[in-house]
Amino acid sequence: QATSRIGALSCASPRARSMQNYSAQTFRDVKPAAFGPAPALQVALFIFFVFTRALHPTIIDASKSVDSSTGRKYFAYGEMTVVLGETVVTLAVGLLMALGLGGMAEFRAIWSPRPMKVFSFIGFVYALGDFLEMASMGSLGGAAYQVLLQSKLLITALMMWAIKGTRQTSLQWNILLLVMISMCVYMIGGKSDSSGGGVGIPIVGVFNVLLKVTVSCFCAVLSDKYMKDFKHEPIYMQLVQFKVAWFTTILILSFLDGKTWQNGFFAGWNPTTVGVLVSFTVKGWSTLYLLAILDSVLKNIGEAVSVLVIYFMQVFLPVFEDKFEIPKFLSVMVVILSVTAYVGSKSVVEKAAKYDREKGRQ
């Protein structure tokens, strides 16, 4: 029987004989395939991302008080108090995690000059974004704020063109123009979705949102680059490095607003204000962790879908006075569909460019 097996091997083809030489050492340099999250988990994370994005501006909007004489909505509490409180909570949690999970060695590593210098600058710019967010939400409703945030697609495209020379196709520019026009239609048709008592479009609020979007896009580019450069650091360490300058900047701004410390830090606070603080904290932590799992396509679609969730919250929750209106609902849908069309066009454009390159070689 052994002789027959040897004879069979000797008669086998060279390819078959070479197969016998494969071993674990043959594939020692082959990297294992990267497995993403399971589809069910990805769907759950996407839903969580949508609701965190929807709840944040909704809770901020719900925390406003109404002036009985003018009907205007305003923040009875200091806008910077919730942001300042969030930075303190994040700093405390991040430092405790570093001590608990990495000991004093990891705690000391937080204060390394090189990453601290980089993330402190990014944290400073993020703090300006939080200031602009609360300033814009003072005169805008949650849905209007989230709709205007979709202008990040145009601002990102312009930044990529200026910084990296990445050009958009005529199809993509047309869809970006459609996004901007649909935003204008929503703002013109939904004037009541503001804190100005339904009188005109809050220009200052719109300008603050556009500044906020520009700051956020700039921070996103920097964060993506440097978080990869310092990927050996856990995210909670990087959050602490962000929040040191973040806290300092917000603290300085709180002394300049003429309200936070003059009226008392907790003046005007209520359970909804605590909800705003929790929302800022959850958003800050979940953003970094979820964006490491969800791809950019799902992120952008999630941001757009959250507009619809906010709209239905403002229609059905008793704390708001909005009523369901078909024109307003349709304008929200146009914003969402135009955003998803632009996001989906990226893969189509890349495939078309690849086809053109291959055809040109023939």
Protein backbone atom coordinates (compact mmCIF):
# COMPACT_ATOMS: atom_id res chain seq x y z
CA GLN A 1 0.00 0.00 0.00
CA ALA A 2 2.88 2.37 0.83
CA THR A 3 4.56 1.45 -2.48
CA SER A 4 1.38 2.28 -4.41
CA ARG A 5 1.14 5.69 -2.73
CA ILE A 6 4.75 6.48 -3.63
CA GLY A 7 4.08 5.42 -7.20
CA ALA A 8 1.01 7.61 -7.36
CA LEU A 9 2.97 10.62 -6.15
CA SER A 10 5.78 10.01 -8.63
CA CYS A 11 3.28 9.81 -11.50
CA ALA A 12 1.50 12.96 -10.44
CA SER A 13 1.99 16.15 -12.43
CA PRO A 14 4.67 18.65 -11.34
CA ARG A 15 1.89 21.03 -10.21
CA ALA A 16 0.37 18.33 -8.01
CA ARG A 17 3.78 17.44 -6.53
CA SER A 18 4.46 21.12 -5.75
CA MET A 19 1.18 21.26 -3.86
CA GLN A 20 2.60 18.76 -1.37
CA ASN A 21 5.27 21.29 -0.32
CA TYR A 22 2.83 23.88 1.04
CA SER A 23 3.12 24.48 4.77
CA ALA A 24 2.34 27.14 7.35
CA GLN A 25 5.68 28.78 6.57
CA THR A 26 4.61 29.23 2.94
CA PHE A 27 1.94 31.76 3.97
CA ARG A 28 3.72 33.34 6.93
CA ASP A 29 3.91 36.77 5.18
CA VAL A 30 0.28 36.78 4.03
CA LYS A 31 -1.76 39.22 6.09
CA PRO A 32 -5.18 38.04 7.32
CA ALA A 33 -8.21 39.58 5.68
CA ALA A 34 -9.66 42.58 7.50
CA PHE A 35 -13.10 41.83 8.77
CA GLY A 36 -15.53 44.70 9.30
CA PRO A 37 -18.45 44.64 11.67
CA ALA A 38 -21.25 42.16 11.00
CA PRO A 39 -24.13 43.55 8.90
CA ALA A 40 -26.53 43.51 11.87
CA LEU A 41 -24.02 45.39 14.03
CA GLN A 42 -23.36 47.88 11.24
CA VAL A 43 -27.10 48.56 10.91
CA ALA A 44 -27.39 49.02 14.69
CA LEU A 45 -24.43 51.42 14.74
CA PHE A 46 -25.87 53.35 11.79
CA ILE A 47 -29.22 53.75 13.59
CA PHE A 48 -27.40 54.85 16.76
CA PHE A 49 -25.38 57.36 14.72
CA VAL A 50 -28.54 58.79 13.11
CA PHE A 51 -30.31 59.20 16.44
CA THR A 52 -27.32 60.78 18.19
CA ARG A 53 -27.08 63.29 15.34
CA ALA A 54 -30.83 63.94 15.48
CA LEU A 55 -31.19 64.15 19.26
CA HIS A 56 -28.36 66.63 19.75
CA PRO A 57 -29.86 69.70 17.98
CA THR A 58 -33.36 68.63 19.06
CA ILE A 59 -32.44 68.68 22.76
CA ILE A 60 -30.64 72.02 22.36
CA ASP A 61 -33.75 73.45 20.66
CA ALA A 62 -36.01 72.03 23.38
CA SER A 63 -33.84 73.62 26.11
CA LYS A 64 -34.78 77.14 24.98
CA SER A 65 -37.21 79.33 26.87
CA VAL A 66 -39.83 81.55 25.22
CA ASP A 67 -40.09 85.28 25.82
CA SER A 68 -43.78 85.80 26.61
CA SER A 69 -43.80 89.36 25.24
CA THR A 70 -42.05 88.80 21.90
CA GLY A 71 -42.47 85.07 21.35
CA ARG A 72 -38.75 84.72 20.67
CA LYS A 73 -36.88 81.65 21.88
CA TYR A 74 -33.68 82.15 23.84
CA PHE A 75 -31.28 80.32 26.13
CA ALA A 76 -32.14 81.07 29.75
CA TYR A 77 -28.84 79.47 30.76
CA GLY A 78 -25.32 80.41 29.70
CA GLU A 79 -24.63 78.74 26.38
CA MET A 80 -21.02 78.05 27.30
CA THR A 81 -21.91 76.33 30.59
CA VAL A 82 -22.97 73.07 28.92
CA VAL A 83 -19.92 73.03 26.64
CA LEU A 84 -17.64 73.79 29.57
CA GLY A 85 -19.33 71.07 31.61
CA GLU A 86 -18.85 68.55 28.80
CA THR A 87 -15.12 69.26 28.59
CA VAL A 88 -14.76 68.74 32.35
CA VAL A 89 -16.67 65.43 32.20
CA THR A 90 -14.65 64.16 29.22
CA LEU A 91 -11.35 65.19 30.81
CA ALA A 92 -12.24 63.43 34.05
CA VAL A 93 -13.43 60.22 32.34
CA GLY A 94 -10.46 60.14 29.95
CA LEU A 95 -7.91 60.64 32.73
CA LEU A 96 -9.54 57.96 34.89
CA MET A 97 -9.56 55.53 31.94
CA ALA A 98 -5.86 56.22 31.32
CA LEU A 99 -5.03 55.59 34.96
CA GLY A 100 -7.25 52.51 35.23
CA LEU A 101 -6.27 50.86 31.95
CA GLY A 102 -2.67 51.97 31.48
CA GLY A 103 -1.48 53.09 34.89
CA MET A 104 0.87 55.98 35.53
CA ALA A 105 2.88 55.20 32.37
CA GLU A 106 -0.14 55.93 30.16
CA PHE A 107 -1.14 58.92 32.32
CA ARG A 108 2.32 60.47 31.81
CA ALA A 109 2.22 59.66 28.08
CA ILE A 110 -0.82 61.95 27.72
CA TRP A 111 1.40 64.95 28.38
CA SER A 112 4.02 64.07 25.76
CA PRO A 113 4.88 67.39 24.04
CA ARG A 114 4.54 66.30 20.40
CA PRO A 115 0.98 64.84 20.40
CA MET A 116 -0.18 67.37 23.00
CA LYS A 117 0.94 70.26 20.79
CA VAL A 118 -0.84 68.85 17.74
CA PHE A 119 -4.11 67.89 19.44
CA SER A 120 -4.19 71.09 21.49
CA PHE A 121 -4.36 73.15 18.30
CA ILE A 122 -7.14 70.93 16.92
CA GLY A 123 -8.96 71.16 20.26
CA PHE A 124 -8.74 74.95 20.14
CA VAL A 125 -10.38 74.99 16.70
CA TYR A 126 -13.04 72.48 17.82
CA ALA A 127 -13.86 74.78 20.75
CA LEU A 128 -14.54 77.60 18.32
CA GLY A 129 -16.88 75.22 16.50
CA ASP A 130 -18.84 74.54 19.70
CA PHE A 131 -19.12 78.27 20.33
CA LEU A 132 -20.44 78.83 16.80
CA GLU A 133 -22.85 75.90 17.18
CA MET A 134 -24.50 77.34 20.28
CA ALA A 135 -24.51 80.84 18.74
CA SER A 136 -26.28 79.55 15.62
CA MET A 137 -28.74 77.39 17.58
CA GLY A 138 -29.79 80.50 19.47
CA SER A 139 -31.56 81.73 16.34
CA LEU A 140 -32.26 78.48 14.45
CA GLY A 141 -34.42 75.44 15.05
CA GLY A 142 -32.95 71.95 15.15
CA ALA A 143 -34.09 70.91 11.67
CA ALA A 144 -32.90 74.15 10.05
CA TYR A 145 -29.52 73.75 11.75
CA GLN A 146 -29.11 70.16 10.56
CA VAL A 147 -30.21 71.09 7.02
CA LEU A 148 -27.60 73.85 6.84
CA LEU A 149 -24.95 71.42 8.09
CA GLN A 150 -25.27 69.62 4.75
CA SER A 151 -23.35 72.54 3.22
CA LYS A 152 -20.27 70.65 4.48
CA LEU A 153 -20.37 68.69 1.19
CA LEU A 154 -19.74 71.86 -0.83
CA ILE A 155 -17.19 73.27 1.63
CA THR A 156 -15.32 69.95 1.77
CA ALA A 157 -15.27 69.78 -2.05
CA LEU A 158 -13.82 73.31 -2.23
CA MET A 159 -11.22 72.49 0.45
CA MET A 160 -10.17 69.29 -1.33
CA TRP A 161 -9.87 71.24 -4.58
CA ALA A 162 -7.72 73.94 -2.95
CA ILE A 163 -5.55 71.65 -0.77
CA LYS A 164 -5.21 68.42 -2.75
CA GLY A 165 -6.27 69.52 -6.22
CA THR A 166 -9.13 66.98 -6.20
CA ARG A 167 -11.64 68.13 -8.81
CA GLN A 168 -15.32 67.39 -8.96
CA THR A 169 -16.99 66.33 -12.20
CA SER A 170 -19.77 68.39 -13.78
CA LEU A 171 -22.26 65.81 -12.45
CA GLN A 172 -20.99 66.29 -8.90
CA TRP A 173 -21.03 70.09 -9.16
CA ASN A 174 -24.61 69.92 -10.42
CA ILE A 175 -25.66 67.76 -7.47
CA LEU A 176 -23.84 70.08 -5.04
CA LEU A 177 -25.71 72.99 -6.56
CA LEU A 178 -28.95 71.03 -6.08
CA VAL A 179 -28.04 70.48 -2.41
CA MET A 180 -27.47 74.20 -1.87
CA ILE A 181 -30.68 75.19 -3.69
CA SER A 182 -32.72 72.65 -1.72
CA MET A 183 -31.28 74.13 1.50
CA CYS A 184 -32.35 77.59 0.37
CA VAL A 185 -35.84 76.32 -0.47
CA TYR A 186 -36.15 74.80 3.00
CA MET A 187 -34.97 77.98 4.73
CA ILE A 188 -37.28 80.21 2.68
CA GLY A 189 -40.26 77.89 3.10
CA GLY A 190 -39.58 77.16 6.76
CA LYS A 191 -39.04 80.60 8.24
CA SER A 192 -40.94 79.57 11.36
CA ASP A 193 -38.23 77.03 12.14
CA SER A 194 -36.18 79.64 13.92
CA SER A 195 -36.07 81.49 17.19
CA GLY A 196 -37.06 84.76 15.71
CA GLY A 197 -40.79 84.35 16.08
CA GLY A 198 -41.15 83.48 12.39
CA VAL A 199 -39.94 86.90 11.17
CA GLY A 200 -37.58 86.50 8.21
CA ILE A 201 -34.54 84.29 7.81
CA PRO A 202 -32.02 84.55 10.70
CA ILE A 203 -29.03 85.67 8.63
CA VAL A 204 -26.64 85.76 11.59
CA GLY A 205 -27.63 82.19 12.52
CA VAL A 206 -27.09 80.98 8.96
CA PHE A 207 -23.68 82.71 8.82
CA ASN A 208 -22.66 81.11 12.14
CA VAL A 209 -23.64 77.66 10.82
CA LEU A 210 -21.55 78.14 7.68
CA LEU A 211 -18.59 79.18 9.85
CA LYS A 212 -19.21 76.16 12.08
CA VAL A 213 -19.23 73.85 9.05
CA THR A 214 -15.98 75.36 7.74
CA VAL A 215 -14.32 74.89 11.13
CA SER A 216 -15.64 71.30 11.39
CA CYS A 217 -14.38 70.37 7.92
CA PHE A 218 -10.96 71.81 8.72
CA CYS A 219 -10.85 69.90 12.02
CA ALA A 220 -11.98 66.68 10.34
CA VAL A 221 -9.06 66.85 7.89
CA LEU A 222 -6.55 67.52 10.69
CA SER A 223 -8.03 64.88 13.02
CA ASP A 224 -8.01 62.21 10.31
CA LYS A 225 -4.34 62.90 9.56
CA TYR A 226 -2.94 63.17 13.08
CA MET A 227 -5.07 60.50 14.75
CA LYS A 228 -3.55 58.10 12.22
CA ASP A 229 -0.05 59.46 12.93
CA PHE A 230 -0.59 58.79 16.64
CA LYS A 231 -2.71 55.65 16.25
CA HIS A 232 -0.65 53.94 18.96
CA GLU A 233 -2.49 56.15 21.46
CA PRO A 234 -5.94 54.99 22.63
CA ILE A 235 -8.81 57.28 21.68
CA TYR A 236 -9.47 58.27 25.30
CA MET A 237 -5.90 59.58 25.52
CA GLN A 238 -6.39 61.63 22.37
CA LEU A 239 -9.66 62.98 23.73
CA VAL A 240 -7.88 64.26 26.83
CA GLN A 241 -5.25 65.90 24.62
CA PHE A 242 -8.04 67.54 22.61
CA LYS A 243 -9.94 68.69 25.66
CA VAL A 244 -7.11 70.48 27.50
CA ALA A 245 -7.02 73.33 24.96
CA TRP A 246 -10.76 72.87 24.31
CA PHE A 247 -11.54 73.51 27.99
CA THR A 248 -9.16 76.48 28.18
CA THR A 249 -10.67 78.13 25.09
CA ILE A 250 -14.27 77.68 26.23
CA LEU A 251 -13.37 78.95 29.72
CA ILE A 252 -11.92 82.16 28.23
CA LEU A 253 -14.98 82.61 25.97
CA SER A 254 -17.30 82.10 28.97
CA PHE A 255 -15.75 85.14 30.67
CA LEU A 256 -16.37 87.23 27.57
CA ASP A 257 -20.05 86.44 26.91
CA GLY A 258 -21.30 88.66 29.75
CA LYS A 259 -23.66 85.97 30.98
CA THR A 260 -22.04 82.75 32.22
CA TRP A 261 -20.34 84.00 35.37
CA GLN A 262 -22.26 87.25 35.83
CA ASN A 263 -25.59 85.45 36.33
CA GLY A 264 -24.12 82.40 38.04
CA PHE A 265 -22.84 79.25 36.35
CA PHE A 266 -25.99 77.18 36.92
CA ALA A 267 -28.49 80.02 36.47
CA GLY A 268 -31.38 78.91 34.23
CA TRP A 269 -30.46 75.22 34.38
CA ASN A 270 -33.21 72.58 34.38
CA PRO A 271 -33.43 68.84 33.52
CA THR A 272 -33.41 69.65 29.78
CA THR A 273 -30.15 71.57 30.20
CA VAL A 274 -28.64 68.48 31.81
CA GLY A 275 -29.84 66.60 28.72
CA VAL A 276 -27.89 69.07 26.54
CA LEU A 277 -24.76 68.38 28.62
CA VAL A 278 -25.25 64.61 28.23
CA SER A 279 -25.88 65.05 24.50
CA PHE A 280 -22.63 66.98 24.01
CA THR A 281 -20.74 64.28 25.94
CA VAL A 282 -22.26 61.35 24.03
CA LYS A 283 -21.72 63.10 20.71
CA GLY A 284 -18.07 63.81 21.51
CA TRP A 285 -17.23 60.22 22.46
CA SER A 286 -19.38 58.46 19.88
CA THR A 287 -18.12 60.57 16.98
CA LEU A 288 -14.54 59.35 17.30
CA TYR A 289 -15.44 55.72 17.99
CA LEU A 290 -18.21 55.37 15.40
CA LEU A 291 -16.31 57.08 12.60
CA ALA A 292 -13.58 54.50 13.06
CA ILE A 293 -16.18 51.79 12.29
CA LEU A 294 -18.65 53.38 9.84
CA ASP A 295 -17.37 54.38 6.42
CA SER A 296 -17.72 57.92 5.10
CA VAL A 297 -20.68 56.99 2.85
CA LEU A 298 -22.78 55.73 5.77
CA LYS A 299 -21.71 58.73 7.85
CA ASN A 300 -22.90 61.26 5.25
CA ILE A 301 -26.14 59.37 4.62
CA GLY A 302 -26.71 59.18 8.38
CA GLU A 303 -26.22 62.93 8.72
CA ALA A 304 -28.81 63.50 5.99
CA VAL A 305 -31.35 61.00 7.37
CA SER A 306 -31.09 62.68 10.79
CA VAL A 307 -32.72 65.77 9.22
CA LEU A 308 -35.91 63.75 8.66
CA VAL A 309 -35.76 62.33 12.19
CA ILE A 310 -35.44 65.84 13.64
CA TYR A 311 -38.38 67.04 11.55
CA PHE A 312 -40.65 64.27 12.82
CA MET A 313 -39.48 64.90 16.41
CA GLN A 314 -40.44 68.55 16.10
CA VAL A 315 -43.82 67.60 14.66
CA PHE A 316 -44.79 64.90 17.14
CA LEU A 317 -43.07 65.82 20.41
CA PRO A 318 -45.32 67.98 22.64
CA VAL A 319 -42.48 70.34 23.59
CA PHE A 320 -42.53 71.76 20.04
CA GLU A 321 -45.33 73.63 18.30
CA ASP A 322 -44.55 72.55 14.72
CA LYS A 323 -47.27 70.93 12.63
CA PHE A 324 -46.90 68.53 9.74
CA GLU A 325 -46.83 70.47 6.46
CA ILE A 326 -46.48 68.75 3.11
CA PRO A 327 -44.37 71.50 1.44
CA LYS A 328 -41.91 71.52 4.36
CA PHE A 329 -41.77 67.72 4.43
CA LEU A 330 -41.09 67.59 0.68
CA SER A 331 -38.31 70.19 1.00
CA VAL A 332 -36.69 68.03 3.71
CA MET A 333 -36.91 65.00 1.42
CA VAL A 334 -35.30 66.94 -1.45
CA VAL A 335 -32.38 67.84 0.83
CA ILE A 336 -31.95 64.21 1.92
CA LEU A 337 -32.21 62.74 -1.58
CA SER A 338 -29.84 65.30 -3.10
CA VAL A 339 -27.26 64.56 -0.38
CA THR A 340 -27.54 60.80 -0.89
CA ALA A 341 -27.32 61.32 -4.67
CA TYR A 342 -24.04 63.23 -4.24
CA VAL A 343 -22.63 60.62 -1.86
CA GLY A 344 -23.61 57.82 -4.24
CA SER A 345 -22.14 59.62 -7.26
CA LYS A 346 -18.60 59.25 -5.90
CA SER A 347 -18.35 55.52 -6.66
CA VAL A 348 -19.94 56.02 -10.09
CA VAL A 349 -17.46 58.78 -10.96
CA GLU A 350 -14.51 56.66 -9.78
CA LYS A 351 -15.64 53.68 -11.87
CA ALA A 352 -16.13 55.90 -14.92
CA ALA A 353 -12.65 57.41 -14.49
CA LYS A 354 -11.13 53.94 -14.17
CA TYR A 355 -12.94 52.78 -17.33
CA ASP A 356 -11.69 55.83 -19.24
CA ARG A 357 -8.09 55.15 -18.12
CA GLU A 358 -8.26 51.50 -19.16
CA LYS A 359 -9.86 52.40 -22.48
CA GLY A 360 -7.14 54.99 -23.11
CA ARG A 361 -4.41 52.33 -22.70
CA GLN A 362 -5.96 50.14 -25.41
